[in-house]
């Protein structure tokens, strides 16, 4: 997942500093889904480690 998030960060930088609108709505929707999945994995991992 780190590679995916890093690629998204790099694309965001291009958008911020270069071309506005280079990220599609579907790409943003996909990132939101992946980020939510990642959060759930982290929360499950934290729960397991706290036992």
C-alpha atoms as a PDB file:
ATOM      1  CA  UNK A   1       0.000   0.000   0.000  1.00  0.00           C
ATOM      2  CA  UNK A   2       2.936   2.308   0.611  1.00  0.00           C
ATOM      3  CA  UNK A   3       3.788   2.335  -3.096  1.00  0.00           C
ATOM      4  CA  UNK A   4       0.190   3.173  -3.979  1.00  0.00           C
ATOM      5  CA  UNK A   5      -0.002   6.024  -1.472  1.00  0.00           C
ATOM      6  CA  UNK A   6       3.384   7.345  -2.612  1.00  0.00           C
ATOM      7  CA  UNK A   7       2.216   7.341  -6.230  1.00  0.00           C
ATOM      8  CA  UNK A   8      -0.897   9.270  -5.179  1.00  0.00           C
ATOM      9  CA  UNK A   9       1.259  11.751  -3.261  1.00  0.00           C
ATOM     10  CA  UNK A  10       3.486  12.271  -6.315  1.00  0.00           C
ATOM     11  CA  UNK A  11       0.459  12.823  -8.542  1.00  0.00           C
ATOM     12  CA  UNK A  12      -0.974  15.292  -6.033  1.00  0.00           C
ATOM     13  CA  UNK A  13       2.288  17.236  -6.124  1.00  0.00           C
ATOM     14  CA  UNK A  14       2.085  17.473  -9.917  1.00  0.00           C
ATOM     15  CA  UNK A  15      -1.478  18.735  -9.586  1.00  0.00           C
ATOM     16  CA  UNK A  16      -0.558  21.232  -6.866  1.00  0.00           C
ATOM     17  CA  UNK A  17       2.454  22.612  -8.679  1.00  0.00           C
ATOM     18  CA  UNK A  18       1.821  21.919 -12.337  1.00  0.00           C
ATOM     19  CA  UNK A  19      -1.451  20.966 -13.924  1.00  0.00           C
ATOM     20  CA  UNK A  20      -4.747  21.571 -12.238  1.00  0.00           C
ATOM     21  CA  UNK A  21      -7.313  18.898 -12.979  1.00  0.00           C
ATOM     22  CA  UNK A  22      -4.896  16.057 -13.704  1.00  0.00           C
ATOM     23  CA  UNK A  23      -6.568  13.859 -11.065  1.00  0.00           C
ATOM     24  CA  UNK A  24      -9.889  12.433 -12.144  1.00  0.00           C
ATOM     25  CA  UNK A  25     -12.890  12.046  -9.901  1.00  0.00           C
ATOM     26  CA  UNK A  26     -12.649   8.267 -10.216  1.00  0.00           C
ATOM     27  CA  UNK A  27      -9.001   8.386  -9.068  1.00  0.00           C
ATOM     28  CA  UNK A  28     -10.015  10.452  -6.047  1.00  0.00           C
ATOM     29  CA  UNK A  29     -12.842   8.024  -5.287  1.00  0.00           C
ATOM     30  CA  UNK A  30     -10.433   5.080  -5.534  1.00  0.00           C
ATOM     31  CA  UNK A  31      -7.964   6.761  -3.181  1.00  0.00           C
ATOM     32  CA  UNK A  32     -10.721   7.332  -0.637  1.00  0.00           C
ATOM     33  CA  UNK A  33     -11.705   3.659  -0.763  1.00  0.00           C
ATOM     34  CA  UNK A  34      -8.108   2.474  -0.385  1.00  0.00           C
ATOM     35  CA  UNK A  35      -7.460   4.917   2.462  1.00  0.00           C
ATOM     36  CA  UNK A  36     -10.534   3.660   4.331  1.00  0.00           C
ATOM     37  CA  UNK A  37      -9.427   0.042   3.825  1.00  0.00           C
ATOM     38  CA  UNK A  38      -5.957   0.924   5.087  1.00  0.00           C
ATOM     39  CA  UNK A  39      -7.422   2.603   8.165  1.00  0.00           C
ATOM     40  CA  UNK A  40      -9.461  -0.489   8.970  1.00  0.00           C
ATOM     41  CA  UNK A  41      -6.374  -2.708   8.610  1.00  0.00           C
ATOM     42  CA  UNK A  42      -4.396  -0.456  10.926  1.00  0.00           C
ATOM     43  CA  UNK A  43      -7.176  -0.402  13.502  1.00  0.00           C
ATOM     44  CA  UNK A  44      -7.442  -4.220  13.407  1.00  0.00           C
ATOM     45  CA  UNK A  45      -3.663  -4.526  13.753  1.00  0.00           C
ATOM     46  CA  UNK A  46      -3.637  -2.127  16.710  1.00  0.00           C
ATOM     47  CA  UNK A  47      -6.440  -4.063  18.366  1.00  0.00           C
ATOM     48  CA  UNK A  48      -4.565  -7.358  17.920  1.00  0.00           C
ATOM     49  CA  UNK A  49      -1.331  -5.898  19.304  1.00  0.00           C
ATOM     50  CA  UNK A  50      -3.029  -4.412  22.359  1.00  0.00           C
ATOM     51  CA  UNK A  51      -4.220  -7.824  23.609  1.00  0.00           C
END
